Protein backbone atom coordinates (compact mmCIF):
# COMPACT_ATOMS: atom_id res chain seq x y z
CA MET A 1 10.29 3.28 24.68
CA GLN A 2 7.54 0.79 25.43
CA LEU A 3 3.97 2.03 24.88
CA LYS A 4 0.56 0.51 25.56
CA TYR A 5 -2.72 1.03 23.65
CA ARG A 6 -5.94 -0.84 24.50
CA GLY A 7 -4.03 -3.47 26.41
CA ILE A 8 -1.49 -4.17 23.66
CA THR A 9 2.12 -3.23 24.35
CA TYR A 10 4.50 -2.24 21.58
CA GLU A 11 7.84 -0.56 21.07
CA GLN A 12 7.93 2.96 19.71
CA THR A 13 9.81 3.16 16.43
CA SER A 14 10.46 6.70 15.28
CA PRO A 15 11.90 7.30 11.82
CA VAL A 16 15.22 9.11 11.73
CA ALA A 17 15.53 11.83 9.11
CA GLU A 18 18.96 12.78 7.80
CA VAL A 19 19.20 16.56 7.45
CA ALA A 20 21.73 18.77 5.71
CA PRO A 21 22.24 22.46 6.40
CA SER A 22 21.16 24.75 3.58
CA LEU A 23 22.32 28.19 2.53
CA VAL A 24 19.21 29.88 3.91
CA VAL A 25 20.21 31.77 7.04
CA GLY A 26 18.27 34.43 8.88
CA LYS A 27 17.76 36.30 12.11
CA TYR A 28 14.58 36.35 14.17
CA ARG A 29 14.30 38.39 17.40
CA GLY A 30 18.06 38.51 17.68
CA GLN A 31 18.57 34.75 17.23
CA THR A 32 20.33 33.37 14.15
CA TRP A 33 18.70 30.38 12.48
CA GLN A 34 19.59 28.16 9.56
CA LEU A 35 17.10 26.15 7.52
CA GLN A 36 17.75 22.42 7.31
CA THR A 37 16.69 20.26 4.37
CA LEU A 38 16.22 16.51 4.13
CA LYS A 39 19.07 14.64 2.45
CA ARG A 40 16.58 12.18 0.97
CA SER A 41 12.85 12.01 1.31
CA ALA A 42 11.37 9.46 3.67
CA THR A 43 9.36 6.91 1.72
CA GLN A 44 6.97 4.31 3.00
CA GLN A 45 7.88 0.69 2.50
CA GLU A 46 6.02 -0.81 -0.42
CA ASN A 47 4.95 -4.09 1.18
CA MET A 48 3.96 -3.99 4.81
CA GLU A 49 1.76 -6.34 6.79
CA LEU A 50 -0.67 -4.29 8.87
CA LYS A 51 -3.61 -5.05 11.13
CA TYR A 52 -6.81 -2.98 11.34
CA ARG A 53 -9.53 -3.97 13.78
CA GLY A 54 -8.21 -7.52 13.90
CA ALA A 55 -8.05 -7.96 10.12
CA THR A 56 -4.59 -8.45 8.69
CA TYR A 57 -3.82 -6.94 5.29
CA ARG A 58 -0.80 -6.05 3.17
CA THR A 59 0.04 -2.74 1.56
CA GLY A 60 1.66 -2.32 -1.82
CA SER A 61 0.53 -3.19 -5.26
CA THR A 62 -0.75 -6.61 -6.08
CA GLN A 63 -0.21 -7.38 -9.71
CA VAL A 64 -2.62 -9.66 -11.49
CA ALA A 65 -1.29 -11.30 -14.62
CA GLU A 66 -3.28 -10.58 -17.74
CA PRO A 67 -4.42 -13.65 -19.68
CA GLN A 68 -2.38 -14.32 -22.80
CA VAL A 69 -3.92 -15.40 -26.08
CA THR A 70 -1.68 -17.94 -27.78
CA SER A 71 -4.00 -19.48 -30.33
CA GLN A 72 -3.93 -18.57 -34.01
CA VAL A 73 -7.61 -17.92 -34.76
CA ALA A 74 -9.44 -15.80 -37.31
CA PRO A 75 -9.56 -12.09 -36.32
CA ALA A 76 -13.29 -12.09 -35.48
CA ALA A 77 -12.93 -15.15 -33.24
CA SER A 78 -9.86 -13.72 -31.51
CA VAL A 79 -11.78 -10.53 -30.67
CA LEU A 80 -14.56 -12.63 -29.16
CA ASN A 81 -11.98 -14.60 -27.18
CA LEU A 82 -10.42 -11.38 -25.91
CA LEU A 83 -13.81 -10.07 -24.82
CA ARG A 84 -14.63 -13.35 -23.11
CA GLU A 85 -11.26 -13.44 -21.31
CA ARG A 86 -11.63 -9.83 -20.16
CA ALA A 87 -15.11 -10.58 -18.82
CA MET A 88 -13.78 -13.66 -17.00
CA HIS A 89 -10.88 -11.63 -15.57
CA GLN A 90 -13.26 -8.90 -14.35
CA HIS A 91 -15.45 -11.57 -12.75
CA GLN A 92 -12.40 -13.06 -10.98
CA VAL A 93 -11.34 -9.62 -9.70
CA LEU A 94 -14.84 -8.91 -8.35
CA LYS A 95 -15.03 -12.38 -6.78
CA HIS A 96 -11.65 -11.87 -5.10
CA ARG A 97 -12.77 -8.45 -3.77
CA HIS A 98 -15.98 -10.02 -2.46
CA ASP A 99 -14.04 -12.82 -0.74
CA VAL A 100 -11.67 -10.33 0.92
CA LEU A 101 -14.52 -8.19 2.22
CA LEU A 102 -16.38 -11.26 3.44
CA SER A 103 -13.32 -12.57 5.29
CA ARG A 104 -12.81 -9.16 6.94
CA ALA A 105 -16.43 -9.10 8.04
CA ILE A 106 -16.13 -12.60 9.47
CA GLN A 107 -12.97 -11.62 11.37
CA GLU A 108 -14.68 -8.54 12.82
CA VAL A 109 -17.68 -10.58 13.96
CA ALA A 110 -15.40 -13.24 15.46
CA PHE A 111 -13.64 -10.68 17.65
C-alpha cells in the first residue's frame, strides 16, 4: 500500500509475526478462544539508516577502539601514559559528539 506524509510517498511495510497456538483455551460469552504466542520475538535490526528532520543517522552500536599501550616503560610512567591516553580519548569522543550535533544543526538550518 502506498502512503503519503508531508508530500513524501512511501510503501507501507508491516512486519509479519509468526504465531503458534498455545494450550490456553477458554470461553467468553459463548465463544471459544485460543491464545496464540509468538514463535520468536520480533527484534529490531541493529544497523539501520534513518532520517529525522532531514538529518540522516544510523542506529546500532558504534564501537570505538581503545588505545593500546605497547611500550615497556616504568610503572609510574605507564600510569601517566594511560591517564594521558584516556584524557585524549575522552577529548576525541566529545569532539566527535560536538561535530555530529553541529552537522545536524547545519542540516536543519539548511532545510
